[in-house]
């Protein structure tokens, strides 16, 4: 007779296999890779055109918490929680155009694989577009997406007049392998499915984190 503990272990492994969503898609499936990176990362570097002296008119990069939804169930839309008190947001009020970059170096994936953050094998993506405020139903979606992954935001000072925003993507750039940057249209990006799922992960209590 097989011991109960052994049976339990076999059962858990059997359930975990179908929803093993931590594997990056094949490098030649650029749209899927982009969606995967966007969902795995919970912060990004946003570059704006500075509206402040002495660097007015020059690129200005800053770190922002982001979320496109729960890990494993992202929408592809990078949401942000912003305040006009923030210097980069002041830039966006003058010129809403920006770029948003994310890398799997922000997770433990590249370190485990022995990839340098600058290596194309350490997949990273860049969004081009504009940052716009979201309201109504989409603001509710943004709130759930962000507060679910950044619970500290719930207690941020109310007098800072926080608002929800998103990157309105016009172009996606993907570096995930040798041969130079690849471009992905917004349509292809949003139609891509970053994970293969066979049944809802809630039923199996799998972990999607890298």
N, C-alpha and C. Protein backbone atom coordinates (compact mmCIF):
# COMPACT_ATOMS: atom_id res chain seq x y z
N UNK A 1 0.85 -1.21 0.00
CA UNK A 1 0.00 0.00 0.00
C UNK A 1 0.88 1.25 0.00
N UNK A 2 0.51 2.26 -0.81
CA UNK A 2 1.27 3.50 -0.84
C UNK A 2 0.87 4.37 0.34
N UNK A 3 1.84 4.88 1.13
CA UNK A 3 1.51 5.72 2.28
C UNK A 3 0.66 6.92 1.87
N UNK A 4 -0.21 7.34 2.81
CA UNK A 4 -1.12 8.46 2.53
C UNK A 4 -0.35 9.72 2.15
N UNK A 5 0.75 9.99 2.86
CA UNK A 5 1.53 11.19 2.58
C UNK A 5 2.05 11.19 1.16
N UNK A 6 2.47 10.01 0.70
CA UNK A 6 2.98 9.90 -0.66
C UNK A 6 1.89 10.17 -1.68
N UNK A 7 0.71 9.60 -1.43
CA UNK A 7 -0.42 9.83 -2.32
C UNK A 7 -0.76 11.31 -2.39
N UNK A 8 -0.74 11.95 -1.22
CA UNK A 8 -1.05 13.38 -1.17
C UNK A 8 -0.05 14.17 -2.00
N UNK A 9 1.23 13.79 -1.89
CA UNK A 9 2.25 14.48 -2.64
C UNK A 9 2.06 14.32 -4.13
N UNK A 10 1.72 13.12 -4.55
CA UNK A 10 1.48 12.85 -5.97
C UNK A 10 0.29 13.66 -6.46
N UNK A 11 -0.75 13.75 -5.64
CA UNK A 11 -1.96 14.47 -5.99
C UNK A 11 -1.67 15.96 -6.19
N UNK A 12 -0.87 16.53 -5.27
CA UNK A 12 -0.56 17.94 -5.36
C UNK A 12 0.24 18.24 -6.62
N UNK A 13 1.22 17.40 -6.92
CA UNK A 13 2.03 17.61 -8.12
C UNK A 13 1.18 17.50 -9.37
N UNK A 14 0.28 16.54 -9.38
CA UNK A 14 -0.60 16.34 -10.54
C UNK A 14 -1.45 17.58 -10.80
N UNK A 15 -1.95 18.19 -9.72
CA UNK A 15 -2.78 19.37 -9.87
C UNK A 15 -1.95 20.58 -10.27
N UNK A 16 -0.71 20.65 -9.79
CA UNK A 16 0.10 21.83 -10.04
C UNK A 16 0.57 21.91 -11.49
N UNK A 17 0.79 20.78 -12.13
CA UNK A 17 1.36 20.80 -13.46
C UNK A 17 0.54 21.58 -14.48
N UNK A 18 -0.79 21.41 -14.57
CA UNK A 18 -1.55 22.11 -15.60
C UNK A 18 -1.55 23.61 -15.46
N UNK A 19 -1.32 24.15 -14.25
CA UNK A 19 -1.37 25.60 -14.11
C UNK A 19 0.00 26.14 -13.73
N UNK A 20 1.04 25.53 -14.24
CA UNK A 20 2.39 26.00 -14.05
C UNK A 20 2.61 27.17 -15.00
N UNK A 21 2.26 28.36 -14.53
CA UNK A 21 2.23 29.53 -15.41
C UNK A 21 3.46 30.41 -15.30
N UNK A 22 4.52 29.90 -14.68
CA UNK A 22 5.68 30.74 -14.47
C UNK A 22 6.66 30.70 -15.63
N UNK A 23 6.43 29.87 -16.64
CA UNK A 23 7.37 29.74 -17.74
C UNK A 23 7.14 30.81 -18.80
N UNK A 24 8.23 31.45 -19.19
CA UNK A 24 8.14 32.48 -20.22
C UNK A 24 7.78 31.83 -21.56
N UNK A 25 6.95 32.48 -22.38
CA UNK A 25 6.61 31.93 -23.69
C UNK A 25 7.84 31.84 -24.59
N UNK A 26 7.77 31.08 -25.68
CA UNK A 26 8.88 31.00 -26.64
C UNK A 26 9.29 32.39 -27.13
N UNK A 27 10.60 32.58 -27.32
CA UNK A 27 11.11 33.93 -27.61
C UNK A 27 10.61 34.49 -28.93
N UNK A 28 10.15 33.63 -29.85
CA UNK A 28 9.67 34.14 -31.13
C UNK A 28 8.18 34.47 -31.12
N UNK A 29 7.54 34.31 -29.96
CA UNK A 29 6.14 34.71 -29.81
C UNK A 29 6.13 36.04 -29.05
N UNK A 30 6.49 37.08 -29.78
CA UNK A 30 6.80 38.37 -29.16
C UNK A 30 5.64 38.97 -28.38
N UNK A 31 4.46 38.90 -28.92
CA UNK A 31 3.30 39.48 -28.24
C UNK A 31 3.04 38.76 -26.92
N UNK A 32 3.16 37.44 -26.93
CA UNK A 32 2.95 36.67 -25.69
C UNK A 32 4.02 37.00 -24.67
N UNK A 33 5.26 37.15 -25.13
CA UNK A 33 6.34 37.52 -24.21
C UNK A 33 6.06 38.88 -23.58
N UNK A 34 5.62 39.83 -24.39
CA UNK A 34 5.32 41.16 -23.87
C UNK A 34 4.23 41.11 -22.81
N UNK A 35 3.17 40.36 -23.07
CA UNK A 35 2.09 40.23 -22.10
C UNK A 35 2.59 39.55 -20.82
N UNK A 36 3.46 38.56 -20.98
CA UNK A 36 4.00 37.84 -19.83
C UNK A 36 4.81 38.78 -18.95
N UNK A 37 5.72 39.54 -19.56
CA UNK A 37 6.56 40.46 -18.79
C UNK A 37 5.70 41.51 -18.09
N UNK A 38 4.73 42.07 -18.80
CA UNK A 38 3.86 43.09 -18.22
C UNK A 38 3.09 42.57 -17.02
N UNK A 39 2.72 41.30 -17.05
CA UNK A 39 1.95 40.72 -15.95
C UNK A 39 2.83 40.31 -14.78
N UNK A 40 4.06 39.91 -15.05
CA UNK A 40 4.95 39.47 -13.99
C UNK A 40 5.54 40.62 -13.19
N UNK A 41 5.73 41.76 -13.84
CA UNK A 41 6.36 42.91 -13.18
C UNK A 41 5.33 43.75 -12.43
N UNK A 42 5.73 44.24 -11.26
CA UNK A 42 4.81 45.09 -10.51
C UNK A 42 5.32 46.53 -10.36
N UNK A 43 6.37 46.86 -11.09
CA UNK A 43 6.78 48.25 -11.19
C UNK A 43 7.45 48.47 -12.55
N UNK A 44 7.56 49.72 -12.94
CA UNK A 44 8.14 50.04 -14.24
C UNK A 44 8.88 51.37 -14.15
N UNK A 45 9.76 51.58 -15.11
CA UNK A 45 10.45 52.86 -15.24
C UNK A 45 9.73 53.67 -16.31
N UNK A 46 9.23 54.82 -15.93
CA UNK A 46 8.50 55.66 -16.88
C UNK A 46 9.35 56.87 -17.26
N UNK A 47 9.56 57.06 -18.55
CA UNK A 47 10.31 58.20 -19.05
C UNK A 47 9.35 59.24 -19.62
N UNK A 48 9.48 60.45 -19.14
CA UNK A 48 8.68 61.58 -19.62
C UNK A 48 9.62 62.62 -20.23
N UNK A 49 9.06 63.63 -20.86
CA UNK A 49 9.85 64.78 -21.29
C UNK A 49 9.73 65.82 -20.19
N UNK A 50 10.85 66.13 -19.57
CA UNK A 50 10.83 66.99 -18.39
C UNK A 50 10.29 68.39 -18.69
N UNK A 51 9.49 68.88 -17.77
CA UNK A 51 8.97 70.24 -17.85
C UNK A 51 9.62 71.13 -16.80
N UNK A 52 10.68 70.62 -16.18
CA UNK A 52 11.31 71.32 -15.07
C UNK A 52 12.75 71.72 -15.41
N UNK A 53 13.09 72.95 -15.06
CA UNK A 53 14.48 73.38 -15.18
C UNK A 53 15.32 72.67 -14.11
N UNK A 54 16.58 72.39 -14.35
CA UNK A 54 17.38 72.77 -15.52
C UNK A 54 17.42 71.71 -16.62
N UNK A 55 16.52 70.73 -16.57
CA UNK A 55 16.53 69.66 -17.58
C UNK A 55 15.28 69.71 -18.46
N UNK A 56 14.67 70.86 -18.55
CA UNK A 56 13.45 71.01 -19.34
C UNK A 56 13.69 70.57 -20.78
N UNK A 57 12.77 69.74 -21.29
CA UNK A 57 12.87 69.24 -22.65
C UNK A 57 13.71 67.99 -22.80
N UNK A 58 14.32 67.53 -21.71
CA UNK A 58 15.15 66.34 -21.76
C UNK A 58 14.39 65.14 -21.20
N UNK A 59 14.83 63.91 -21.56
CA UNK A 59 14.18 62.72 -21.00
C UNK A 59 14.37 62.66 -19.49
N UNK A 60 13.34 62.20 -18.80
CA UNK A 60 13.39 62.10 -17.33
C UNK A 60 12.71 60.79 -16.93
N UNK A 61 13.47 59.91 -16.30
CA UNK A 61 12.95 58.58 -15.96
C UNK A 61 12.70 58.46 -14.47
N UNK A 62 11.64 57.73 -14.12
CA UNK A 62 11.23 57.61 -12.73
C UNK A 62 10.54 56.26 -12.54
N UNK A 63 10.60 55.72 -11.34
CA UNK A 63 10.00 54.42 -11.05
C UNK A 63 8.56 54.57 -10.56
N UNK A 64 7.67 53.70 -11.06
CA UNK A 64 6.27 53.71 -10.66
C UNK A 64 5.75 52.30 -10.45
N UNK A 65 4.94 52.14 -9.43
CA UNK A 65 4.25 50.87 -9.23
C UNK A 65 3.18 50.73 -10.30
N UNK A 66 3.06 49.53 -10.84
CA UNK A 66 2.07 49.27 -11.88
C UNK A 66 1.36 47.95 -11.60
N UNK A 67 0.29 47.71 -12.30
CA UNK A 67 -0.38 46.41 -12.27
C UNK A 67 -1.32 46.32 -13.46
N UNK A 68 -1.30 45.16 -14.11
CA UNK A 68 -2.30 44.90 -15.16
C UNK A 68 -3.30 43.86 -14.69
N UNK A 69 -3.28 43.59 -13.37
CA UNK A 69 -4.18 42.60 -12.79
C UNK A 69 -3.41 41.54 -12.03
N UNK A 70 -4.11 40.56 -11.48
CA UNK A 70 -3.44 39.50 -10.72
C UNK A 70 -2.44 38.74 -11.58
N UNK A 71 -1.39 38.25 -10.96
CA UNK A 71 -0.42 37.44 -11.69
C UNK A 71 -1.12 36.20 -12.22
N UNK A 72 -1.02 35.99 -13.52
CA UNK A 72 -1.70 34.88 -14.16
C UNK A 72 -3.00 35.27 -14.82
N UNK A 73 -3.51 36.46 -14.49
CA UNK A 73 -4.80 36.90 -15.03
C UNK A 73 -4.76 38.37 -15.44
N UNK A 74 -3.66 38.81 -16.03
CA UNK A 74 -3.52 40.20 -16.42
C UNK A 74 -4.32 40.56 -17.66
N UNK A 75 -4.65 41.84 -17.76
CA UNK A 75 -5.37 42.36 -18.93
C UNK A 75 -4.43 42.92 -19.98
N UNK A 76 -3.17 43.16 -19.58
CA UNK A 76 -2.22 43.79 -20.48
C UNK A 76 -2.17 45.30 -20.34
N UNK A 77 -3.14 45.88 -19.64
CA UNK A 77 -3.20 47.33 -19.47
C UNK A 77 -2.42 47.72 -18.21
N UNK A 78 -1.33 48.47 -18.35
CA UNK A 78 -0.56 48.89 -17.16
C UNK A 78 -1.23 50.08 -16.47
N UNK A 79 -1.79 49.81 -15.30
CA UNK A 79 -2.45 50.85 -14.51
C UNK A 79 -1.48 51.44 -13.50
N UNK A 80 -1.71 52.71 -13.15
CA UNK A 80 -0.88 53.42 -12.17
C UNK A 80 -1.77 54.24 -11.24
N UNK A 81 -1.23 54.53 -10.07
CA UNK A 81 -1.92 55.33 -9.06
C UNK A 81 -1.08 56.59 -8.89
N UNK A 82 -1.58 57.73 -9.33
CA UNK A 82 -0.76 58.92 -9.47
C UNK A 82 -1.31 60.11 -8.69
N UNK A 83 -0.43 61.08 -8.46
CA UNK A 83 -0.80 62.35 -7.85
C UNK A 83 -0.06 63.46 -8.58
N UNK A 84 -0.70 64.61 -8.72
CA UNK A 84 -0.06 65.73 -9.41
C UNK A 84 1.08 66.32 -8.58
N UNK A 85 1.22 65.86 -7.34
CA UNK A 85 2.35 66.30 -6.53
C UNK A 85 3.65 65.67 -7.01
N UNK A 86 3.55 64.62 -7.81
CA UNK A 86 4.73 63.89 -8.28
C UNK A 86 5.33 64.59 -9.50
N UNK A 87 6.65 64.67 -9.54
CA UNK A 87 7.33 65.46 -10.57
C UNK A 87 7.08 64.95 -11.99
N UNK A 88 7.05 63.62 -12.17
CA UNK A 88 6.82 63.07 -13.50
C UNK A 88 5.38 63.28 -13.96
N UNK A 89 4.46 63.27 -13.02
CA UNK A 89 3.05 63.51 -13.35
C UNK A 89 2.88 64.96 -13.80
N UNK A 90 3.64 65.86 -13.22
CA UNK A 90 3.62 67.25 -13.67
C UNK A 90 4.11 67.35 -15.12
N UNK A 91 5.10 66.52 -15.46
CA UNK A 91 5.55 66.47 -16.86
C UNK A 91 4.41 66.01 -17.77
N UNK A 92 3.68 65.00 -17.32
CA UNK A 92 2.59 64.44 -18.13
C UNK A 92 1.47 65.44 -18.35
N UNK A 93 1.29 66.37 -17.42
CA UNK A 93 0.27 67.40 -17.60
C UNK A 93 0.62 68.33 -18.75
N UNK A 94 1.91 68.48 -18.99
CA UNK A 94 2.38 69.32 -20.10
C UNK A 94 2.42 68.52 -21.40
N UNK A 95 2.92 67.29 -21.30
CA UNK A 95 3.03 66.41 -22.46
C UNK A 95 2.75 64.98 -22.00
N UNK A 96 1.60 64.41 -22.34
CA UNK A 96 1.23 63.09 -21.83
C UNK A 96 1.99 61.93 -22.48
N UNK A 97 2.82 62.23 -23.49
CA UNK A 97 3.59 61.16 -24.12
C UNK A 97 4.67 60.65 -23.19
N UNK A 98 4.82 59.32 -23.17
CA UNK A 98 5.79 58.71 -22.27
C UNK A 98 6.16 57.32 -22.79
N UNK A 99 7.18 56.76 -22.20
CA UNK A 99 7.51 55.36 -22.44
C UNK A 99 7.60 54.66 -21.09
N UNK A 100 7.27 53.39 -21.10
CA UNK A 100 7.22 52.60 -19.87
C UNK A 100 8.01 51.32 -20.13
N UNK A 101 9.03 51.07 -19.32
CA UNK A 101 9.86 49.88 -19.54
C UNK A 101 9.82 48.96 -18.33
N UNK A 102 9.78 47.65 -18.64
CA UNK A 102 9.74 46.60 -17.63
C UNK A 102 10.69 45.48 -18.03
N UNK A 103 11.25 44.80 -17.05
CA UNK A 103 12.21 43.74 -17.34
C UNK A 103 12.02 42.59 -16.36
N UNK A 104 12.26 41.37 -16.84
CA UNK A 104 12.21 40.22 -15.94
C UNK A 104 13.37 40.23 -14.96
N UNK A 105 14.31 41.18 -15.12
CA UNK A 105 15.34 41.38 -14.10
C UNK A 105 14.71 41.87 -12.80
N UNK A 106 13.49 42.39 -12.88
CA UNK A 106 12.77 42.83 -11.69
C UNK A 106 12.22 41.66 -10.89
N UNK A 107 12.21 40.49 -11.49
CA UNK A 107 11.84 39.26 -10.80
C UNK A 107 13.13 38.48 -10.55
N UNK A 108 13.02 37.25 -10.09
CA UNK A 108 14.24 36.46 -9.90
C UNK A 108 14.54 35.57 -11.11
N UNK A 109 13.79 35.73 -12.20
CA UNK A 109 13.96 34.88 -13.38
C UNK A 109 15.37 34.96 -13.96
N UNK A 110 15.84 36.17 -14.24
CA UNK A 110 17.14 36.33 -14.90
C UNK A 110 18.29 35.89 -14.01
N UNK A 111 18.19 36.17 -12.73
CA UNK A 111 19.25 35.75 -11.81
C UNK A 111 19.33 34.24 -11.76
N UNK A 112 18.18 33.58 -11.72
CA UNK A 112 18.18 32.12 -11.69
C UNK A 112 18.78 31.53 -12.97
N UNK A 113 18.55 32.20 -14.09
CA UNK A 113 19.06 31.71 -15.37
C UNK A 113 20.50 32.14 -15.63
N UNK A 114 21.02 33.03 -14.79
CA UNK A 114 22.37 33.53 -14.99
C UNK A 114 22.46 34.59 -16.08
N UNK A 115 21.35 35.30 -16.33
CA UNK A 115 21.31 36.32 -17.37
C UNK A 115 21.60 37.70 -16.77
N UNK A 116 22.46 38.45 -17.40
CA UNK A 116 22.67 39.84 -17.01
C UNK A 116 21.43 40.65 -17.37
N UNK A 117 21.07 41.66 -16.56
CA UNK A 117 19.88 42.46 -16.87
C UNK A 117 19.89 43.09 -18.27
N UNK A 118 21.08 43.38 -18.80
CA UNK A 118 21.15 43.99 -20.12
C UNK A 118 21.09 42.97 -21.25
N UNK A 119 21.27 41.70 -20.92
CA UNK A 119 21.22 40.66 -21.95
C UNK A 119 19.83 40.59 -22.56
N UNK A 120 19.72 40.41 -23.87
CA UNK A 120 18.39 40.26 -24.47
C UNK A 120 17.67 39.01 -23.99
N UNK A 121 18.41 38.04 -23.45
CA UNK A 121 17.78 36.84 -22.91
C UNK A 121 16.99 37.14 -21.64
N UNK A 122 17.37 38.24 -20.98
CA UNK A 122 16.62 38.70 -19.81
C UNK A 122 15.52 39.62 -20.36
N UNK A 123 14.41 39.02 -20.71
CA UNK A 123 13.38 39.70 -21.50
C UNK A 123 12.94 41.03 -20.89
N UNK A 124 12.91 42.04 -21.74
CA UNK A 124 12.39 43.33 -21.31
C UNK A 124 11.58 43.96 -22.43
N UNK A 125 10.65 44.80 -22.02
CA UNK A 125 9.72 45.41 -22.97
C UNK A 125 9.65 46.91 -22.73
N UNK A 126 9.28 47.63 -23.77
CA UNK A 126 9.09 49.07 -23.68
C UNK A 126 7.77 49.42 -24.36
N UNK A 127 6.93 50.14 -23.64
CA UNK A 127 5.68 50.64 -24.20
C UNK A 127 5.87 52.10 -24.60
N UNK A 128 5.37 52.47 -25.76
CA UNK A 128 5.27 53.87 -26.15
C UNK A 128 3.79 54.23 -26.15
N UNK A 129 3.50 55.48 -25.78
CA UNK A 129 2.11 55.89 -25.77
C UNK A 129 1.89 57.14 -24.94
N UNK A 130 0.68 57.29 -24.45
CA UNK A 130 0.33 58.42 -23.60
C UNK A 130 -0.27 57.91 -22.30
N UNK A 131 -0.07 58.67 -21.25
CA UNK A 131 -0.64 58.32 -19.95
C UNK A 131 -1.91 59.14 -19.75
N UNK A 132 -3.01 58.45 -19.50
CA UNK A 132 -4.29 59.12 -19.36
C UNK A 132 -5.00 58.67 -18.09
N UNK A 133 -5.78 59.56 -17.52
CA UNK A 133 -6.57 59.23 -16.34
C UNK A 133 -7.74 58.33 -16.74
N UNK A 134 -8.09 57.41 -15.85
CA UNK A 134 -9.26 56.56 -16.11
C UNK A 134 -10.32 56.85 -15.06
N UNK A 135 -11.57 56.72 -15.46
CA UNK A 135 -12.69 57.02 -14.58
C UNK A 135 -13.76 55.94 -14.68
N UNK A 136 -14.78 56.05 -13.84
CA UNK A 136 -15.92 55.15 -13.91
C UNK A 136 -15.55 53.69 -13.68
N UNK A 137 -16.11 52.83 -14.51
CA UNK A 137 -15.90 51.40 -14.37
C UNK A 137 -14.43 51.03 -14.50
N UNK A 138 -13.73 51.68 -15.43
CA UNK A 138 -12.31 51.34 -15.60
C UNK A 138 -11.49 51.75 -14.38
N UNK A 139 -11.88 52.81 -13.70
CA UNK A 139 -11.19 53.19 -12.47
C UNK A 139 -11.36 52.12 -11.41
N UNK A 140 -12.52 51.48 -11.37
CA UNK A 140 -12.75 50.37 -10.44
C UNK A 140 -11.83 49.19 -10.78
N UNK A 141 -11.68 48.93 -12.06
CA UNK A 141 -10.78 47.85 -12.50
C UNK A 141 -9.34 48.18 -12.10
N UNK A 142 -8.94 49.43 -12.33
CA UNK A 142 -7.59 49.85 -11.98
C UNK A 142 -7.35 49.74 -10.47
N UNK A 143 -8.34 50.12 -9.70
CA UNK A 143 -8.22 50.05 -8.24
C UNK A 143 -8.00 48.62 -7.78
N UNK A 144 -8.80 47.70 -8.28
CA UNK A 144 -8.66 46.30 -7.89
C UNK A 144 -7.31 45.75 -8.34
N UNK A 145 -6.90 46.12 -9.54
CA UNK A 145 -5.62 45.64 -10.07
C UNK A 145 -4.45 46.13 -9.23
N UNK A 146 -4.46 47.41 -8.90
CA UNK A 146 -3.35 48.00 -8.17
C UNK A 146 -3.35 47.65 -6.69
N UNK A 147 -4.49 47.78 -6.03
CA UNK A 147 -4.54 47.53 -4.60
C UNK A 147 -4.33 46.05 -4.28
N UNK A 148 -4.66 45.18 -5.24
CA UNK A 148 -4.44 43.76 -5.02
C UNK A 148 -2.97 43.40 -4.96
N UNK A 149 -2.14 44.11 -5.73
CA UNK A 149 -0.71 43.82 -5.76
C UNK A 149 0.12 44.82 -4.97
N UNK A 150 -0.48 45.96 -4.63
CA UNK A 150 0.21 47.01 -3.86
C UNK A 150 -0.70 47.46 -2.72
N UNK A 151 -0.95 46.60 -1.73
CA UNK A 151 -1.91 46.92 -0.67
C UNK A 151 -1.56 48.16 0.14
N UNK A 152 -0.30 48.55 0.15
CA UNK A 152 0.10 49.75 0.88
C UNK A 152 -0.60 50.99 0.34
N UNK A 153 -0.96 50.96 -0.94
CA UNK A 153 -1.61 52.11 -1.57
C UNK A 153 -2.91 52.50 -0.87
N UNK A 154 -3.56 51.53 -0.28
CA UNK A 154 -4.84 51.78 0.38
C UNK A 154 -4.70 52.86 1.44
N UNK A 155 -3.54 52.92 2.09
CA UNK A 155 -3.33 53.84 3.20
C UNK A 155 -2.53 55.08 2.82
N UNK A 156 -2.31 55.30 1.54
CA UNK A 156 -1.59 56.51 1.15
C UNK A 156 -2.45 57.75 1.44
N UNK A 157 -1.82 58.88 1.77
CA UNK A 157 -2.56 60.07 2.22
C UNK A 157 -3.64 60.53 1.24
N UNK A 158 -4.85 60.66 1.74
CA UNK A 158 -5.98 61.07 0.89
C UNK A 158 -5.81 62.50 0.38
N UNK A 159 -5.10 63.35 1.16
CA UNK A 159 -4.97 64.74 0.74
C UNK A 159 -3.99 64.93 -0.43
N UNK A 160 -3.43 63.81 -0.92
CA UNK A 160 -2.57 63.90 -2.10
C UNK A 160 -3.38 63.84 -3.41
N UNK A 161 -4.69 63.63 -3.25
CA UNK A 161 -5.59 63.61 -4.42
C UNK A 161 -5.14 62.61 -5.49
N UNK A 162 -4.99 61.38 -5.06
CA UNK A 162 -4.58 60.31 -5.97
C UNK A 162 -5.65 60.04 -7.02
N UNK A 163 -5.21 59.61 -8.18
CA UNK A 163 -6.13 59.21 -9.24
C UNK A 163 -5.55 58.03 -10.00
N UNK A 164 -6.41 57.30 -10.68
CA UNK A 164 -5.98 56.13 -11.43
C UNK A 164 -5.72 56.51 -12.88
N UNK A 165 -4.67 55.93 -13.43
CA UNK A 165 -4.29 56.23 -14.81
C UNK A 165 -3.80 54.96 -15.48
N UNK A 166 -3.63 55.05 -16.78
CA UNK A 166 -3.10 53.92 -17.53
C UNK A 166 -2.21 54.41 -18.67
N UNK A 167 -1.36 53.54 -19.14
CA UNK A 167 -0.62 53.82 -20.36
C UNK A 167 -1.48 53.42 -21.55
N UNK A 168 -1.83 54.39 -22.37
CA UNK A 168 -2.56 54.13 -23.61
C UNK A 168 -1.52 53.74 -24.66
N UNK A 169 -1.36 52.46 -24.87
CA UNK A 169 -0.24 51.93 -25.65
C UNK A 169 -0.44 52.15 -27.15
N UNK A 170 0.58 52.72 -27.80
CA UNK A 170 0.56 52.89 -29.25
C UNK A 170 1.59 52.00 -29.94
N UNK A 171 2.58 51.52 -29.20
CA UNK A 171 3.60 50.64 -29.76
C UNK A 171 4.24 49.83 -28.64
N UNK A 172 4.59 48.59 -28.95
CA UNK A 172 5.26 47.72 -27.98
C UNK A 172 6.59 47.28 -28.59
N UNK A 173 7.64 47.38 -27.79
CA UNK A 173 8.98 46.96 -28.21
C UNK A 173 9.41 45.80 -27.32
N UNK A 174 9.94 44.75 -27.92
CA UNK A 174 10.29 43.54 -27.17
C UNK A 174 11.74 43.16 -27.44
N UNK A 175 12.49 42.97 -26.37
CA UNK A 175 13.85 42.43 -26.43
C UNK A 175 13.86 41.16 -25.59
N UNK A 176 13.85 40.02 -26.25
CA UNK A 176 13.82 38.76 -25.50
C UNK A 176 14.77 37.71 -26.08
N UNK A 177 15.55 38.12 -27.12
CA UNK A 177 16.48 37.18 -27.74
C UNK A 177 17.42 37.99 -28.63
N UNK A 178 18.44 37.31 -29.15
CA UNK A 178 19.40 37.97 -30.03
C UNK A 178 18.75 38.32 -31.37
N UNK A 179 19.29 39.36 -32.02
CA UNK A 179 18.77 39.74 -33.33
C UNK A 179 18.08 41.10 -33.34
N UNK A 180 18.13 41.80 -32.24
CA UNK A 180 17.56 43.14 -32.21
C UNK A 180 16.14 43.21 -31.68
N UNK A 181 15.67 44.43 -31.50
CA UNK A 181 14.35 44.66 -30.93
C UNK A 181 13.27 44.25 -31.92
N UNK A 182 12.18 43.75 -31.38
CA UNK A 182 11.01 43.38 -32.18
C UNK A 182 9.87 44.32 -31.82
N UNK A 183 9.03 44.66 -32.80
CA UNK A 183 7.89 45.53 -32.54
C UNK A 183 6.60 44.72 -32.60
N UNK A 184 5.67 45.11 -31.74
CA UNK A 184 4.37 44.45 -31.65
C UNK A 184 3.29 45.53 -31.68
N UNK A 185 2.27 45.34 -32.47
CA UNK A 185 1.18 46.31 -32.51
C UNK A 185 0.32 46.15 -31.26
N UNK A 186 -0.37 47.21 -30.85
CA UNK A 186 -1.27 47.09 -29.71
C UNK A 186 -2.31 45.99 -29.90
N UNK A 187 -2.82 45.85 -31.12
CA UNK A 187 -3.83 44.82 -31.39
C UNK A 187 -3.27 43.42 -31.13
N UNK A 188 -2.07 43.16 -31.64
CA UNK A 188 -1.45 41.84 -31.43
C UNK A 188 -1.14 41.63 -29.95
N UNK A 189 -0.71 42.68 -29.30
CA UNK A 189 -0.38 42.59 -27.87
C UNK A 189 -1.60 42.21 -27.05
N UNK A 190 -2.71 42.90 -27.24
CA UNK A 190 -3.89 42.63 -26.42
C UNK A 190 -4.58 41.32 -26.80
N UNK A 191 -4.36 40.84 -28.00
CA UNK A 191 -4.95 39.56 -28.40
C UNK A 191 -4.14 38.36 -27.93
N UNK A 192 -2.91 38.60 -27.51
CA UNK A 192 -2.02 37.51 -27.11
C UNK A 192 -2.43 36.93 -25.76
N UNK A 193 -2.19 35.65 -25.58
CA UNK A 193 -2.44 34.96 -24.31
C UNK A 193 -1.09 34.52 -23.75
N UNK A 194 -0.65 35.17 -22.66
CA UNK A 194 0.69 34.87 -22.15
C UNK A 194 0.83 33.52 -21.48
N UNK A 195 -0.28 32.96 -21.01
CA UNK A 195 -0.24 31.70 -20.28
C UNK A 195 -1.15 30.67 -20.94
N UNK A 196 -0.75 29.42 -20.83
CA UNK A 196 -1.63 28.32 -21.22
C UNK A 196 -2.32 27.83 -19.97
N UNK A 197 -3.65 27.80 -19.97
CA UNK A 197 -4.40 27.36 -18.79
C UNK A 197 -5.32 26.22 -19.17
N UNK A 198 -5.44 25.26 -18.27
CA UNK A 198 -6.32 24.13 -18.53
C UNK A 198 -7.53 24.14 -17.61
N UNK A 199 -7.40 24.79 -16.47
CA UNK A 199 -8.56 25.01 -15.61
C UNK A 199 -8.20 26.11 -14.64
N UNK A 200 -9.21 26.73 -13.99
CA UNK A 200 -8.95 27.89 -13.12
C UNK A 200 -7.95 27.57 -12.03
N UNK A 201 -7.02 28.47 -11.83
CA UNK A 201 -5.97 28.21 -10.85
C UNK A 201 -6.51 28.23 -9.43
N UNK A 202 -7.61 28.94 -9.19
CA UNK A 202 -8.14 28.97 -7.83
C UNK A 202 -8.45 27.55 -7.32
N UNK A 203 -8.78 26.66 -8.23
CA UNK A 203 -9.12 25.30 -7.84
C UNK A 203 -7.91 24.50 -7.40
N UNK A 204 -6.72 24.96 -7.79
CA UNK A 204 -5.52 24.18 -7.53
C UNK A 204 -4.56 24.85 -6.57
N UNK A 205 -4.84 26.14 -6.26
CA UNK A 205 -4.00 26.89 -5.34
C UNK A 205 -2.54 26.91 -5.81
N UNK A 206 -2.36 27.11 -7.10
CA UNK A 206 -1.01 27.18 -7.66
C UNK A 206 -0.44 28.58 -7.44
N UNK A 207 0.87 28.69 -7.49
CA UNK A 207 1.54 29.97 -7.41
C UNK A 207 2.02 30.36 -8.79
N UNK A 208 1.73 31.63 -9.20
CA UNK A 208 2.13 32.06 -10.53
C UNK A 208 3.43 32.84 -10.52
N UNK A 209 3.94 33.18 -9.35
CA UNK A 209 5.13 34.02 -9.29
C UNK A 209 6.34 33.28 -9.83
N UNK A 210 7.24 34.07 -10.43
CA UNK A 210 8.49 33.48 -10.90
C UNK A 210 9.32 33.01 -9.72
